[in-house]
């Protein structure tokens, strides 16, 4: 298969070093060829060992930023502001892709954009993760709306919610959340997570506040 044709066929997914080596298996020094493809603008590096198709190929289709976020650092899933914005629970458009990981918190500033990862522990980490189809043929790991809200509260430094008044202020003044979206949340599921969650008291006040909307 022609190399450029092969790379084009993977335009909608991140190109790992392993995948590129398999495409370039006929080359004795595939790493040199990868560097050459980067210099020619056929490949664009995202981080070491991870690429997307470059502008020289003239392809509009690219991996969605959320899909790149899943691949930049794993295990991880898209959450907090990025997920809340995706579900239209907050009005702001988010420019930094925010995720949660079992690994150490990290940030990546790439040619594609900025990606940040907040560490959260197991078993809390495992709650409320779903596969979401963000575009045709592209499915990403993302927090459900309930978990995205939990994660936002848990990862916001110095945030402590000690009353219904605090919860109302945070949800509607700070986050400017969609009230209808809050009313649609599965409170039973959120209650089940509480015992294994950081900031248990804050989350309990938020659940109770949503229940009374």
C-alpha atoms as a PDB file:
ATOM      1  CA  UNK A   1       0.000   0.000   0.000  1.00  0.00           C
ATOM      2  CA  UNK A   2       1.240   3.521  -0.825  1.00  0.00           C
ATOM      3  CA  UNK A   3       2.516   5.213   2.360  1.00  0.00           C
ATOM      4  CA  UNK A   4       0.530   8.425   1.899  1.00  0.00           C
ATOM      5  CA  UNK A   5      -2.627   6.460   1.135  1.00  0.00           C
ATOM      6  CA  UNK A   6      -2.080   4.373   4.258  1.00  0.00           C
ATOM      7  CA  UNK A   7      -1.607   7.465   6.431  1.00  0.00           C
ATOM      8  CA  UNK A   8      -4.702   9.084   4.923  1.00  0.00           C
ATOM      9  CA  UNK A   9      -6.740   6.018   5.862  1.00  0.00           C
ATOM     10  CA  UNK A  10      -5.955   6.717   9.528  1.00  0.00           C
ATOM     11  CA  UNK A  11      -6.676  10.450   9.328  1.00  0.00           C
ATOM     12  CA  UNK A  12      -9.423  10.335  11.957  1.00  0.00           C
ATOM     13  CA  UNK A  13      -7.374   8.654  14.647  1.00  0.00           C
ATOM     14  CA  UNK A  14      -4.133   9.407  16.486  1.00  0.00           C
ATOM     15  CA  UNK A  15      -1.160   7.755  14.817  1.00  0.00           C
ATOM     16  CA  UNK A  16       1.030   5.969  17.324  1.00  0.00           C
ATOM     17  CA  UNK A  17       4.683   5.194  16.732  1.00  0.00           C
ATOM     18  CA  UNK A  18       3.832   1.488  16.704  1.00  0.00           C
ATOM     19  CA  UNK A  19       1.224   2.001  13.974  1.00  0.00           C
ATOM     20  CA  UNK A  20       3.591   4.080  11.854  1.00  0.00           C
ATOM     21  CA  UNK A  21       6.332   1.467  12.172  1.00  0.00           C
ATOM     22  CA  UNK A  22       3.900  -1.164  10.889  1.00  0.00           C
ATOM     23  CA  UNK A  23       3.006   1.087   7.917  1.00  0.00           C
ATOM     24  CA  UNK A  24       6.711   1.626   7.245  1.00  0.00           C
ATOM     25  CA  UNK A  25       7.740  -2.003   7.752  1.00  0.00           C
ATOM     26  CA  UNK A  26       9.570  -2.104   4.425  1.00  0.00           C
ATOM     27  CA  UNK A  27      11.988   0.577   5.614  1.00  0.00           C
ATOM     28  CA  UNK A  28      15.154  -0.498   7.394  1.00  0.00           C
ATOM     29  CA  UNK A  29      15.115   2.730   9.448  1.00  0.00           C
ATOM     30  CA  UNK A  30      11.454   3.619   9.976  1.00  0.00           C
ATOM     31  CA  UNK A  31      12.263   6.281  12.574  1.00  0.00           C
ATOM     32  CA  UNK A  32      14.248   8.224   9.994  1.00  0.00           C
ATOM     33  CA  UNK A  33      11.292   8.039   7.615  1.00  0.00           C
ATOM     34  CA  UNK A  34       8.920   9.239  10.346  1.00  0.00           C
ATOM     35  CA  UNK A  35      11.181  12.250  10.953  1.00  0.00           C
ATOM     36  CA  UNK A  36      11.194  12.913   7.226  1.00  0.00           C
ATOM     37  CA  UNK A  37       7.377  12.789   7.079  1.00  0.00           C
ATOM     38  CA  UNK A  38       7.246  15.293   9.935  1.00  0.00           C
ATOM     39  CA  UNK A  39       9.633  17.641   8.115  1.00  0.00           C
ATOM     40  CA  UNK A  40       7.499  17.377   4.970  1.00  0.00           C
ATOM     41  CA  UNK A  41       4.344  18.280   6.916  1.00  0.00           C
ATOM     42  CA  UNK A  42       2.729  14.914   6.243  1.00  0.00           C
ATOM     43  CA  UNK A  43       2.764  14.092   9.947  1.00  0.00           C
ATOM     44  CA  UNK A  44       2.291  16.489  12.866  1.00  0.00           C
ATOM     45  CA  UNK A  45       3.764  15.461  16.233  1.00  0.00           C
ATOM     46  CA  UNK A  46       1.484  15.780  19.247  1.00  0.00           C
ATOM     47  CA  UNK A  47       3.959  14.343  21.746  1.00  0.00           C
ATOM     48  CA  UNK A  48       6.774  11.826  21.534  1.00  0.00           C
ATOM     49  CA  UNK A  49       5.383   8.717  19.852  1.00  0.00           C
ATOM     50  CA  UNK A  50       2.014  10.250  18.916  1.00  0.00           C
ATOM     51  CA  UNK A  51       1.107  12.016  15.669  1.00  0.00           C
ATOM     52  CA  UNK A  52      -1.791  13.222  13.545  1.00  0.00           C
ATOM     53  CA  UNK A  53      -1.906  13.813   9.805  1.00  0.00           C
ATOM     54  CA  UNK A  54      -0.202  17.038   8.764  1.00  0.00           C
ATOM     55  CA  UNK A  55      -1.494  19.909   6.661  1.00  0.00           C
ATOM     56  CA  UNK A  56       0.550  18.848   3.648  1.00  0.00           C
ATOM     57  CA  UNK A  57      -1.911  16.010   3.033  1.00  0.00           C
ATOM     58  CA  UNK A  58      -4.771  18.489   2.638  1.00  0.00           C
ATOM     59  CA  UNK A  59      -7.152  16.425   4.760  1.00  0.00           C
ATOM     60  CA  UNK A  60      -9.823  18.186   6.768  1.00  0.00           C
ATOM     61  CA  UNK A  61     -10.701  15.184   8.896  1.00  0.00           C
ATOM     62  CA  UNK A  62      -8.655  14.965  12.076  1.00  0.00           C
ATOM     63  CA  UNK A  63      -8.971  13.156  15.388  1.00  0.00           C
ATOM     64  CA  UNK A  64     -11.289  15.071  17.718  1.00  0.00           C
ATOM     65  CA  UNK A  65      -9.425  16.782  20.588  1.00  0.00           C
ATOM     66  CA  UNK A  66     -11.296  14.577  23.089  1.00  0.00           C
ATOM     67  CA  UNK A  67      -9.958  11.472  21.334  1.00  0.00           C
ATOM     68  CA  UNK A  68      -6.450  12.889  21.437  1.00  0.00           C
ATOM     69  CA  UNK A  69      -6.908  13.526  25.149  1.00  0.00           C
ATOM     70  CA  UNK A  70      -7.654   9.829  25.699  1.00  0.00           C
ATOM     71  CA  UNK A  71      -4.444   8.898  23.867  1.00  0.00           C
ATOM     72  CA  UNK A  72      -2.086  11.535  25.270  1.00  0.00           C
ATOM     73  CA  UNK A  73      -2.219  10.034  28.746  1.00  0.00           C
ATOM     74  CA  UNK A  74      -3.875   6.796  29.761  1.00  0.00           C
ATOM     75  CA  UNK A  75      -5.800   5.618  31.520  1.00  0.00           C
ATOM     76  CA  UNK A  76      -7.893   8.783  31.416  1.00  0.00           C
ATOM     77  CA  UNK A  77     -11.294  10.119  30.478  1.00  0.00           C
ATOM     78  CA  UNK A  78     -12.547  13.586  29.514  1.00  0.00           C
ATOM     79  CA  UNK A  79     -14.309  15.302  32.395  1.00  0.00           C
ATOM     80  CA  UNK A  80     -14.885  18.504  34.437  1.00  0.00           C
ATOM     81  CA  UNK A  81     -15.240  21.667  32.303  1.00  0.00           C
ATOM     82  CA  UNK A  82     -14.802  19.908  28.955  1.00  0.00           C
ATOM     83  CA  UNK A  83     -17.515  17.331  29.648  1.00  0.00           C
ATOM     84  CA  UNK A  84     -19.860  19.842  31.313  1.00  0.00           C
ATOM     85  CA  UNK A  85     -19.550  22.102  28.274  1.00  0.00           C
ATOM     86  CA  UNK A  86     -20.060  19.172  25.868  1.00  0.00           C
ATOM     87  CA  UNK A  87     -23.328  18.284  27.645  1.00  0.00           C
ATOM     88  CA  UNK A  88     -24.332  21.982  27.567  1.00  0.00           C
ATOM     89  CA  UNK A  89     -24.542  22.088  31.353  1.00  0.00           C
ATOM     90  CA  UNK A  90     -22.373  25.224  31.500  1.00  0.00           C
ATOM     91  CA  UNK A  91     -22.532  28.101  29.011  1.00  0.00           C
ATOM     92  CA  UNK A  92     -18.814  28.694  28.515  1.00  0.00           C
ATOM     93  CA  UNK A  93     -16.935  27.335  25.557  1.00  0.00           C
ATOM     94  CA  UNK A  94     -13.895  25.475  26.867  1.00  0.00           C
ATOM     95  CA  UNK A  95     -10.560  25.807  25.080  1.00  0.00           C
ATOM     96  CA  UNK A  96      -8.461  23.550  27.317  1.00  0.00           C
ATOM     97  CA  UNK A  97      -9.316  19.845  27.244  1.00  0.00           C
ATOM     98  CA  UNK A  98      -9.664  18.660  30.835  1.00  0.00           C
ATOM     99  CA  UNK A  99      -9.459  15.023  31.855  1.00  0.00           C
ATOM    100  CA  UNK A 100      -9.107  12.785  34.892  1.00  0.00           C
ATOM    101  CA  UNK A 101      -6.443  10.099  35.233  1.00  0.00           C
ATOM    102  CA  UNK A 102      -5.195   7.473  37.652  1.00  0.00           C
ATOM    103  CA  UNK A 103      -1.676   8.742  37.003  1.00  0.00           C
ATOM    104  CA  UNK A 104       0.021  11.874  38.318  1.00  0.00           C
ATOM    105  CA  UNK A 105      -1.617  15.171  37.345  1.00  0.00           C
ATOM    106  CA  UNK A 106      -0.058  16.576  34.168  1.00  0.00           C
ATOM    107  CA  UNK A 107      -0.414  19.209  31.470  1.00  0.00           C
ATOM    108  CA  UNK A 108       0.510  19.039  27.786  1.00  0.00           C
ATOM    109  CA  UNK A 109       0.833  22.106  25.580  1.00  0.00           C
ATOM    110  CA  UNK A 110       0.739  20.784  22.003  1.00  0.00           C
ATOM    111  CA  UNK A 111       0.331  22.095  18.476  1.00  0.00           C
ATOM    112  CA  UNK A 112      -3.296  20.937  18.766  1.00  0.00           C
ATOM    113  CA  UNK A 113      -4.000  22.737  22.046  1.00  0.00           C
ATOM    114  CA  UNK A 114      -3.646  22.462  25.805  1.00  0.00           C
ATOM    115  CA  UNK A 115      -4.577  19.267  27.636  1.00  0.00           C
ATOM    116  CA  UNK A 116      -4.682  18.920  31.423  1.00  0.00           C
ATOM    117  CA  UNK A 117      -5.139  15.844  33.600  1.00  0.00           C
ATOM    118  CA  UNK A 118      -6.129  15.727  37.266  1.00  0.00           C
ATOM    119  CA  UNK A 119      -5.269  12.678  39.340  1.00  0.00           C
ATOM    120  CA  UNK A 120      -8.127  10.970  41.178  1.00  0.00           C
ATOM    121  CA  UNK A 121      -7.916   7.659  43.072  1.00  0.00           C
ATOM    122  CA  UNK A 122      -9.496   4.261  42.512  1.00  0.00           C
ATOM    123  CA  UNK A 123     -12.293   3.190  43.017  1.00  0.00           C
ATOM    124  CA  UNK A 124     -13.750   6.708  42.715  1.00  0.00           C
ATOM    125  CA  UNK A 125     -12.023   7.102  39.351  1.00  0.00           C
ATOM    126  CA  UNK A 126     -13.983   4.213  37.822  1.00  0.00           C
ATOM    127  CA  UNK A 127     -17.460   5.621  38.454  1.00  0.00           C
ATOM    128  CA  UNK A 128     -19.571   7.113  35.678  1.00  0.00           C
ATOM    129  CA  UNK A 129     -17.307   6.600  32.659  1.00  0.00           C
ATOM    130  CA  UNK A 130     -19.050   6.116  29.332  1.00  0.00           C
ATOM    131  CA  UNK A 131     -18.146   5.831  25.655  1.00  0.00           C
ATOM    132  CA  UNK A 132     -19.410   8.822  23.706  1.00  0.00           C
ATOM    133  CA  UNK A 133     -19.489   9.124  19.905  1.00  0.00           C
ATOM    134  CA  UNK A 134     -18.217  12.675  19.363  1.00  0.00           C
ATOM    135  CA  UNK A 135     -18.168  12.307  15.573  1.00  0.00           C
ATOM    136  CA  UNK A 136     -18.557   9.553  13.005  1.00  0.00           C
ATOM    137  CA  UNK A 137     -16.108   6.737  13.762  1.00  0.00           C
ATOM    138  CA  UNK A 138     -14.715   8.529  16.806  1.00  0.00           C
ATOM    139  CA  UNK A 139     -15.705   7.311  20.273  1.00  0.00           C
ATOM    140  CA  UNK A 140     -14.107   8.668  23.416  1.00  0.00           C
ATOM    141  CA  UNK A 141     -14.071   7.860  27.116  1.00  0.00           C
ATOM    142  CA  UNK A 142     -15.900  10.641  28.932  1.00  0.00           C
ATOM    143  CA  UNK A 143     -17.531  11.211  32.287  1.00  0.00           C
ATOM    144  CA  UNK A 144     -21.316  11.097  32.346  1.00  0.00           C
ATOM    145  CA  UNK A 145     -22.869  14.449  33.396  1.00  0.00           C
ATOM    146  CA  UNK A 146     -23.164  13.399  37.031  1.00  0.00           C
ATOM    147  CA  UNK A 147     -19.526  12.318  37.261  1.00  0.00           C
ATOM    148  CA  UNK A 148     -18.307  15.406  35.409  1.00  0.00           C
ATOM    149  CA  UNK A 149     -19.951  17.574  38.075  1.00  0.00           C
ATOM    150  CA  UNK A 150     -18.525  15.430  40.884  1.00  0.00           C
ATOM    151  CA  UNK A 151     -15.061  15.621  39.324  1.00  0.00           C
ATOM    152  CA  UNK A 152     -15.296  19.403  38.947  1.00  0.00           C
ATOM    153  CA  UNK A 153     -16.074  19.780  42.638  1.00  0.00           C
ATOM    154  CA  UNK A 154     -13.479  17.250  43.766  1.00  0.00           C
ATOM    155  CA  UNK A 155     -10.653  18.732  41.671  1.00  0.00           C
ATOM    156  CA  UNK A 156     -11.342  22.399  42.471  1.00  0.00           C
ATOM    157  CA  UNK A 157      -8.755  23.334  45.060  1.00  0.00           C
ATOM    158  CA  UNK A 158      -9.931  24.881  48.342  1.00  0.00           C
ATOM    159  CA  UNK A 159     -13.597  24.384  47.386  1.00  0.00           C
ATOM    160  CA  UNK A 160     -15.695  23.303  50.356  1.00  0.00           C
ATOM    161  CA  UNK A 161     -19.509  23.273  50.169  1.00  0.00           C
ATOM    162  CA  UNK A 162     -20.950  23.280  53.670  1.00  0.00           C
ATOM    163  CA  UNK A 163     -24.598  24.223  53.101  1.00  0.00           C
ATOM    164  CA  UNK A 164     -27.420  24.490  50.580  1.00  0.00           C
ATOM    165  CA  UNK A 165     -26.580  28.175  50.226  1.00  0.00           C
ATOM    166  CA  UNK A 166     -22.976  27.305  49.315  1.00  0.00           C
ATOM    167  CA  UNK A 167     -24.213  24.710  46.818  1.00  0.00           C
ATOM    168  CA  UNK A 168     -26.656  27.113  45.161  1.00  0.00           C
ATOM    169  CA  UNK A 169     -23.972  29.771  44.882  1.00  0.00           C
ATOM    170  CA  UNK A 170     -21.476  27.345  43.364  1.00  0.00           C
ATOM    171  CA  UNK A 171     -23.873  25.719  40.890  1.00  0.00           C
ATOM    172  CA  UNK A 172     -25.645  28.826  39.644  1.00  0.00           C
ATOM    173  CA  UNK A 173     -23.298  31.757  40.303  1.00  0.00           C
ATOM    174  CA  UNK A 174     -19.880  30.186  39.819  1.00  0.00           C
ATOM    175  CA  UNK A 175     -20.636  27.506  37.214  1.00  0.00           C
ATOM    176  CA  UNK A 176     -23.867  29.039  35.835  1.00  0.00           C
ATOM    177  CA  UNK A 177     -25.217  25.556  35.337  1.00  0.00           C
ATOM    178  CA  UNK A 178     -28.277  24.616  33.297  1.00  0.00           C
ATOM    179  CA  UNK A 179     -31.025  24.014  35.876  1.00  0.00           C
ATOM    180  CA  UNK A 180     -32.964  21.672  33.598  1.00  0.00           C
ATOM    181  CA  UNK A 181     -29.826  19.574  33.089  1.00  0.00           C
ATOM    182  CA  UNK A 182     -29.323  19.366  36.845  1.00  0.00           C
ATOM    183  CA  UNK A 183     -32.895  18.181  37.337  1.00  0.00           C
ATOM    184  CA  UNK A 184     -32.252  15.382  34.838  1.00  0.00           C
ATOM    185  CA  UNK A 185     -29.320  13.966  36.809  1.00  0.00           C
ATOM    186  CA  UNK A 186     -29.500  10.500  38.325  1.00  0.00           C
ATOM    187  CA  UNK A 187     -29.335  11.288  42.033  1.00  0.00           C
ATOM    188  CA  UNK A 188     -29.614   7.629  43.055  1.00  0.00           C
ATOM    189  CA  UNK A 189     -26.422   6.845  41.153  1.00  0.00           C
ATOM    190  CA  UNK A 190     -24.684   9.870  42.661  1.00  0.00           C
ATOM    191  CA  UNK A 191     -25.698   8.739  46.160  1.00  0.00           C
ATOM    192  CA  UNK A 192     -24.095   5.357  45.510  1.00  0.00           C
ATOM    193  CA  UNK A 193     -20.756   7.010  44.748  1.00  0.00           C
ATOM    194  CA  UNK A 194     -20.627   9.155  47.876  1.00  0.00           C
ATOM    195  CA  UNK A 195     -19.013   6.664  50.277  1.00  0.00           C
ATOM    196  CA  UNK A 196     -15.970   6.267  48.015  1.00  0.00           C
ATOM    197  CA  UNK A 197     -15.694   9.916  46.987  1.00  0.00           C
ATOM    198  CA  UNK A 198     -13.317  12.663  48.077  1.00  0.00           C
ATOM    199  CA  UNK A 199     -15.078  15.757  49.508  1.00  0.00           C
ATOM    200  CA  UNK A 200     -17.997  13.620  50.651  1.00  0.00           C
ATOM    201  CA  UNK A 201     -19.663  16.446  52.603  1.00  0.00           C
ATOM    202  CA  UNK A 202     -19.535  18.880  49.681  1.00  0.00           C
ATOM    203  CA  UNK A 203     -20.980  16.342  47.274  1.00  0.00           C
ATOM    204  CA  UNK A 204     -23.754  15.408  49.696  1.00  0.00           C
ATOM    205  CA  UNK A 205     -24.866  19.062  49.921  1.00  0.00           C
ATOM    206  CA  UNK A 206     -24.880  19.316  46.121  1.00  0.00           C
ATOM    207  CA  UNK A 207     -27.020  16.191  45.761  1.00  0.00           C
ATOM    208  CA  UNK A 208     -29.480  17.439  48.335  1.00  0.00           C
ATOM    209  CA  UNK A 209     -29.668  20.839  46.618  1.00  0.00           C
ATOM    210  CA  UNK A 210     -30.332  19.294  43.210  1.00  0.00           C
ATOM    211  CA  UNK A 211     -33.005  17.061  44.744  1.00  0.00           C
ATOM    212  CA  UNK A 212     -34.826  20.162  46.028  1.00  0.00           C
ATOM    213  CA  UNK A 213     -34.803  22.052  42.717  1.00  0.00           C
END
